[in-house]
Amino acid sequence: MMQDNKEELFPIVDEAGNVIDAATRGECHNGSKLLHPVVHLHVFNSKGEHYLQRRPDWKDIQPGRWDTSVGGHVDFGEHVDHALRREAMEELGIEDFQPESIGQYVFESDREKELVFVFKTIYDGDIRPSEELDEGRFWTKAEIAEHFGKDVFTPNFEHEYKRMGF
């Protein structure tokens, strides 16, 4: 079974995104609340449907729940734009897309604190989910509304979905 690399090095940032330190994935996800940057890409098709991924059961955060199309950590020394394109390729096999920045915010759970850089794109090409995901598919707004607040989605996705006005 796959598992997250707890020794992977993440930048620690202030709320403006300035790197102030470094820590491992394990240190960032153990309740320390060390602020670390992540990227989220919301993929829509031209019909307005929203692609979501199901997180594998082996993930250390929110296993088995449906989540943002693409989500991943910014590696130490990596630029946000590079992390976004790397994660989109790693998770969905997409590389020819035009991301639109729609904001950033701090998200805090009981285990971690993230500086989230949010992007969206319209994409009608092939999507090839990797072994990092259990599955993925397009959802209509009605399907998302029907499952909202029922422990189907990650709390972060629900928060962001409302915050960004999707």
C-alpha atoms as a PDB file:
ATOM      1  CA  MET A   1       0.000   0.000   0.000  1.00  0.00           C
ATOM      2  CA  MET A   2       1.190   3.512  -0.802  1.00  0.00           C
ATOM      3  CA  GLN A   3       1.658   6.073   1.915  1.00  0.00           C
ATOM      4  CA  ASP A   4       2.741   9.664   2.263  1.00  0.00           C
ATOM      5  CA  ASN A   5       6.436  10.391   2.750  1.00  0.00           C
ATOM      6  CA  LYS A   6       6.527  11.876   6.257  1.00  0.00           C
ATOM      7  CA  GLU A   7      10.113  13.095   5.667  1.00  0.00           C
ATOM      8  CA  GLU A   8       9.225  15.192   2.576  1.00  0.00           C
ATOM      9  CA  LEU A   9      10.418  18.770   3.159  1.00  0.00           C
ATOM     10  CA  PHE A  10       7.877  21.615   3.016  1.00  0.00           C
ATOM     11  CA  PRO A  11       8.481  25.360   3.279  1.00  0.00           C
ATOM     12  CA  ILE A  12       7.057  27.080   6.338  1.00  0.00           C
ATOM     13  CA  VAL A  13       5.595  30.455   5.379  1.00  0.00           C
ATOM     14  CA  ASP A  14       4.010  33.542   6.876  1.00  0.00           C
ATOM     15  CA  GLU A  15       0.487  34.533   5.788  1.00  0.00           C
ATOM     16  CA  ALA A  16       1.922  36.571   2.889  1.00  0.00           C
ATOM     17  CA  GLY A  17       3.634  33.442   1.541  1.00  0.00           C
ATOM     18  CA  ASN A  18       7.198  34.395   2.485  1.00  0.00           C
ATOM     19  CA  VAL A  19       9.330  31.362   3.357  1.00  0.00           C
ATOM     20  CA  ILE A  20      10.546  31.608   6.942  1.00  0.00           C
ATOM     21  CA  ASP A  21      11.614  28.015   7.696  1.00  0.00           C
ATOM     22  CA  ALA A  22      11.282  24.377   6.606  1.00  0.00           C
ATOM     23  CA  ALA A  23       9.702  21.294   8.180  1.00  0.00           C
ATOM     24  CA  THR A  24       8.841  17.738   7.206  1.00  0.00           C
ATOM     25  CA  ARG A  25       5.378  16.550   6.137  1.00  0.00           C
ATOM     26  CA  GLY A  26       5.187  14.641   9.409  1.00  0.00           C
ATOM     27  CA  GLU A  27       5.923  17.781  11.427  1.00  0.00           C
ATOM     28  CA  CYS A  28       3.376  19.818   9.420  1.00  0.00           C
ATOM     29  CA  HIS A  29       0.604  17.222   9.824  1.00  0.00           C
ATOM     30  CA  ASN A  30       1.056  16.322  13.503  1.00  0.00           C
ATOM     31  CA  GLY A  31      -1.000  19.150  14.991  1.00  0.00           C
ATOM     32  CA  SER A  32       1.895  21.636  15.088  1.00  0.00           C
ATOM     33  CA  LYS A  33      -0.065  24.125  12.919  1.00  0.00           C
ATOM     34  CA  LEU A  34       3.096  25.080  11.017  1.00  0.00           C
ATOM     35  CA  LEU A  35       1.765  27.172   8.107  1.00  0.00           C
ATOM     36  CA  HIS A  36       2.745  25.531   4.800  1.00  0.00           C
ATOM     37  CA  PRO A  37       1.675  26.364   1.220  1.00  0.00           C
ATOM     38  CA  VAL A  38      -0.542  24.206  -0.977  1.00  0.00           C
ATOM     39  CA  VAL A  39      -2.061  24.623  -4.434  1.00  0.00           C
ATOM     40  CA  HIS A  40      -5.632  23.797  -5.454  1.00  0.00           C
ATOM     41  CA  LEU A  41      -6.864  23.642  -9.042  1.00  0.00           C
ATOM     42  CA  HIS A  42     -10.603  23.450  -9.723  1.00  0.00           C
ATOM     43  CA  VAL A  43     -11.163  21.846 -13.123  1.00  0.00           C
ATOM     44  CA  PHE A  44     -14.441  22.548 -14.901  1.00  0.00           C
ATOM     45  CA  ASN A  45     -15.523  21.286 -18.299  1.00  0.00           C
ATOM     46  CA  SER A  46     -17.272  23.538 -20.812  1.00  0.00           C
ATOM     47  CA  LYS A  47     -20.653  22.259 -19.526  1.00  0.00           C
ATOM     48  CA  GLY A  48     -19.860  23.748 -16.105  1.00  0.00           C
ATOM     49  CA  GLU A  49     -19.364  20.414 -14.377  1.00  0.00           C
ATOM     50  CA  HIS A  50     -16.725  20.274 -11.629  1.00  0.00           C
ATOM     51  CA  TYR A  51     -14.119  17.494 -11.634  1.00  0.00           C
ATOM     52  CA  LEU A  52     -13.502  16.043  -8.166  1.00  0.00           C
ATOM     53  CA  GLN A  53     -11.061  13.406  -6.981  1.00  0.00           C
ATOM     54  CA  ARG A  54     -11.641  10.765  -4.317  1.00  0.00           C
ATOM     55  CA  ARG A  55      -8.774  10.655  -1.848  1.00  0.00           C
ATOM     56  CA  PRO A  56      -7.273   7.185  -1.335  1.00  0.00           C
ATOM     57  CA  ASP A  57      -7.849   5.403   1.941  1.00  0.00           C
ATOM     58  CA  TRP A  58      -4.079   5.447   2.640  1.00  0.00           C
ATOM     59  CA  LYS A  59      -3.844   9.278   2.804  1.00  0.00           C
ATOM     60  CA  ASP A  60      -2.946  10.708   6.215  1.00  0.00           C
ATOM     61  CA  ILE A  61      -5.465  13.580   5.845  1.00  0.00           C
ATOM     62  CA  GLN A  62      -9.170  13.022   4.960  1.00  0.00           C
ATOM     63  CA  PRO A  63      -8.905   9.506   3.461  1.00  0.00           C
ATOM     64  CA  GLY A  64     -11.812   8.319   1.292  1.00  0.00           C
ATOM     65  CA  ARG A  65     -13.452  11.711   0.826  1.00  0.00           C
ATOM     66  CA  TRP A  66     -14.077  13.618  -2.395  1.00  0.00           C
ATOM     67  CA  ASP A  67     -11.904  16.684  -2.819  1.00  0.00           C
ATOM     68  CA  THR A  68     -10.705  19.486  -5.092  1.00  0.00           C
ATOM     69  CA  SER A  69      -9.736  18.434  -8.649  1.00  0.00           C
ATOM     70  CA  VAL A  70      -6.024  18.865  -7.916  1.00  0.00           C
ATOM     71  CA  GLY A  71      -4.436  19.572  -4.576  1.00  0.00           C
ATOM     72  CA  GLY A  72      -0.890  19.327  -3.406  1.00  0.00           C
ATOM     73  CA  HIS A  73       1.909  20.745  -1.374  1.00  0.00           C
ATOM     74  CA  VAL A  74       4.440  23.231  -2.639  1.00  0.00           C
ATOM     75  CA  ASP A  75       7.870  21.635  -2.240  1.00  0.00           C
ATOM     76  CA  PHE A  76      10.665  23.463  -0.474  1.00  0.00           C
ATOM     77  CA  GLY A  77      12.302  25.797  -3.015  1.00  0.00           C
ATOM     78  CA  GLU A  78       9.459  25.442  -5.543  1.00  0.00           C
ATOM     79  CA  HIS A  79       7.379  28.307  -7.007  1.00  0.00           C
ATOM     80  CA  VAL A  80       3.577  28.111  -6.647  1.00  0.00           C
ATOM     81  CA  ASP A  81       3.034  28.082 -10.446  1.00  0.00           C
ATOM     82  CA  HIS A  82       5.445  25.181 -10.885  1.00  0.00           C
ATOM     83  CA  ALA A  83       3.788  23.254  -8.031  1.00  0.00           C
ATOM     84  CA  LEU A  84       0.365  23.776  -9.648  1.00  0.00           C
ATOM     85  CA  ARG A  85       1.500  22.405 -13.020  1.00  0.00           C
ATOM     86  CA  ARG A  86       3.455  19.541 -11.393  1.00  0.00           C
ATOM     87  CA  GLU A  87       0.474  18.470  -9.296  1.00  0.00           C
ATOM     88  CA  ALA A  88      -1.963  18.713 -12.252  1.00  0.00           C
ATOM     89  CA  MET A  89       0.334  16.442 -14.268  1.00  0.00           C
ATOM     90  CA  GLU A  90       0.986  14.021 -11.375  1.00  0.00           C
ATOM     91  CA  GLU A  91      -2.639  13.678 -10.297  1.00  0.00           C
ATOM     92  CA  LEU A  92      -4.680  14.062 -13.513  1.00  0.00           C
ATOM     93  CA  GLY A  93      -2.169  13.819 -16.355  1.00  0.00           C
ATOM     94  CA  ILE A  94      -3.082  17.284 -17.669  1.00  0.00           C
ATOM     95  CA  GLU A  95      -0.492  19.822 -18.764  1.00  0.00           C
ATOM     96  CA  ASP A  96      -2.053  22.003 -21.467  1.00  0.00           C
ATOM     97  CA  PHE A  97      -4.359  24.238 -19.408  1.00  0.00           C
ATOM     98  CA  GLN A  98      -4.706  27.920 -18.572  1.00  0.00           C
ATOM     99  CA  PRO A  99      -4.985  28.422 -14.817  1.00  0.00           C
ATOM    100  CA  GLU A 100      -6.752  31.485 -13.456  1.00  0.00           C
ATOM    101  CA  SER A 101      -5.789  32.578  -9.940  1.00  0.00           C
ATOM    102  CA  ILE A 102      -8.887  33.149  -7.826  1.00  0.00           C
ATOM    103  CA  GLY A 103      -7.323  33.895  -4.467  1.00  0.00           C
ATOM    104  CA  GLN A 104      -5.552  32.585  -1.425  1.00  0.00           C
ATOM    105  CA  TYR A 105      -6.524  32.029   2.195  1.00  0.00           C
ATOM    106  CA  VAL A 106      -5.421  30.244   5.354  1.00  0.00           C
ATOM    107  CA  PHE A 107      -7.217  26.984   6.157  1.00  0.00           C
ATOM    108  CA  GLU A 108      -6.840  25.426   9.576  1.00  0.00           C
ATOM    109  CA  SER A 109      -8.000  21.983  10.699  1.00  0.00           C
ATOM    110  CA  ASP A 110      -7.335  20.100  13.918  1.00  0.00           C
ATOM    111  CA  ARG A 111      -4.115  18.670  12.409  1.00  0.00           C
ATOM    112  CA  GLU A 112      -2.663  21.312  10.122  1.00  0.00           C
ATOM    113  CA  LYS A 113      -2.631  24.885   8.870  1.00  0.00           C
ATOM    114  CA  GLU A 114      -2.238  25.625   5.161  1.00  0.00           C
ATOM    115  CA  LEU A 115      -1.807  28.716   3.007  1.00  0.00           C
ATOM    116  CA  VAL A 116      -4.006  27.718   0.052  1.00  0.00           C
ATOM    117  CA  PHE A 117      -3.374  29.179  -3.415  1.00  0.00           C
ATOM    118  CA  VAL A 118      -6.567  28.617  -5.436  1.00  0.00           C
ATOM    119  CA  PHE A 119      -6.841  28.384  -9.219  1.00  0.00           C
ATOM    120  CA  LYS A 120      -9.507  27.314 -11.685  1.00  0.00           C
ATOM    121  CA  THR A 121      -9.507  26.259 -15.327  1.00  0.00           C
ATOM    122  CA  ILE A 122     -11.866  25.051 -18.028  1.00  0.00           C
ATOM    123  CA  TYR A 123     -10.570  21.817 -19.524  1.00  0.00           C
ATOM    124  CA  ASP A 124     -12.213  19.412 -21.974  1.00  0.00           C
ATOM    125  CA  GLY A 125      -9.208  17.216 -22.749  1.00  0.00           C
ATOM    126  CA  ASP A 126      -8.355  13.749 -21.490  1.00  0.00           C
ATOM    127  CA  ILE A 127      -8.024  13.313 -17.742  1.00  0.00           C
ATOM    128  CA  ARG A 128      -5.962  10.363 -16.603  1.00  0.00           C
ATOM    129  CA  PRO A 129      -6.121  10.014 -12.797  1.00  0.00           C
ATOM    130  CA  SER A 130      -2.929   8.581 -11.324  1.00  0.00           C
ATOM    131  CA  GLU A 131      -2.487   5.936  -8.650  1.00  0.00           C
ATOM    132  CA  GLU A 132      -2.356   8.858  -6.176  1.00  0.00           C
ATOM    133  CA  LEU A 133      -6.185   8.980  -6.450  1.00  0.00           C
ATOM    134  CA  ASP A 134      -8.845   6.347  -5.875  1.00  0.00           C
ATOM    135  CA  GLU A 135     -11.029   7.765  -8.641  1.00  0.00           C
ATOM    136  CA  GLY A 136     -12.289  10.988 -10.154  1.00  0.00           C
ATOM    137  CA  ARG A 137     -15.248  12.265 -12.148  1.00  0.00           C
ATOM    138  CA  PHE A 138     -17.196  15.352 -13.141  1.00  0.00           C
ATOM    139  CA  TRP A 139     -20.023  16.411 -10.806  1.00  0.00           C
ATOM    140  CA  THR A 140     -22.922  18.724 -11.606  1.00  0.00           C
ATOM    141  CA  LYS A 141     -23.746  21.631  -9.265  1.00  0.00           C
ATOM    142  CA  ALA A 142     -26.907  19.749  -8.263  1.00  0.00           C
ATOM    143  CA  GLU A 143     -24.928  16.611  -7.332  1.00  0.00           C
ATOM    144  CA  ILE A 144     -22.516  18.652  -5.235  1.00  0.00           C
ATOM    145  CA  ALA A 145     -25.404  20.463  -3.496  1.00  0.00           C
ATOM    146  CA  GLU A 146     -27.123  17.121  -2.787  1.00  0.00           C
ATOM    147  CA  HIS A 147     -24.041  15.704  -1.032  1.00  0.00           C
ATOM    148  CA  PHE A 148     -22.899  18.899   0.703  1.00  0.00           C
ATOM    149  CA  GLY A 149     -22.563  18.646   4.500  1.00  0.00           C
ATOM    150  CA  LYS A 150     -22.960  14.832   4.503  1.00  0.00           C
ATOM    151  CA  ASP A 151     -19.306  13.815   5.066  1.00  0.00           C
ATOM    152  CA  VAL A 152     -18.874  13.012   1.360  1.00  0.00           C
ATOM    153  CA  PHE A 153     -16.473  15.911   0.685  1.00  0.00           C
ATOM    154  CA  THR A 154     -13.445  17.094   2.621  1.00  0.00           C
ATOM    155  CA  PRO A 155     -14.155  20.018   4.973  1.00  0.00           C
ATOM    156  CA  ASN A 156     -11.536  22.004   3.054  1.00  0.00           C
ATOM    157  CA  PHE A 157     -13.362  21.455  -0.269  1.00  0.00           C
ATOM    158  CA  GLU A 158     -16.711  22.499   1.242  1.00  0.00           C
ATOM    159  CA  HIS A 159     -15.150  25.596   2.818  1.00  0.00           C
ATOM    160  CA  GLU A 160     -13.428  26.562  -0.426  1.00  0.00           C
ATOM    161  CA  TYR A 161     -16.462  25.812  -2.601  1.00  0.00           C
ATOM    162  CA  LYS A 162     -18.540  28.273  -0.546  1.00  0.00           C
ATOM    163  CA  ARG A 163     -15.741  30.810  -0.138  1.00  0.00           C
ATOM    164  CA  MET A 164     -14.969  30.982  -3.878  1.00  0.00           C
ATOM    165  CA  GLY A 165     -18.625  31.104  -4.864  1.00  0.00           C
ATOM    166  CA  PHE A 166     -18.676  28.067  -7.142  1.00  0.00           C
END
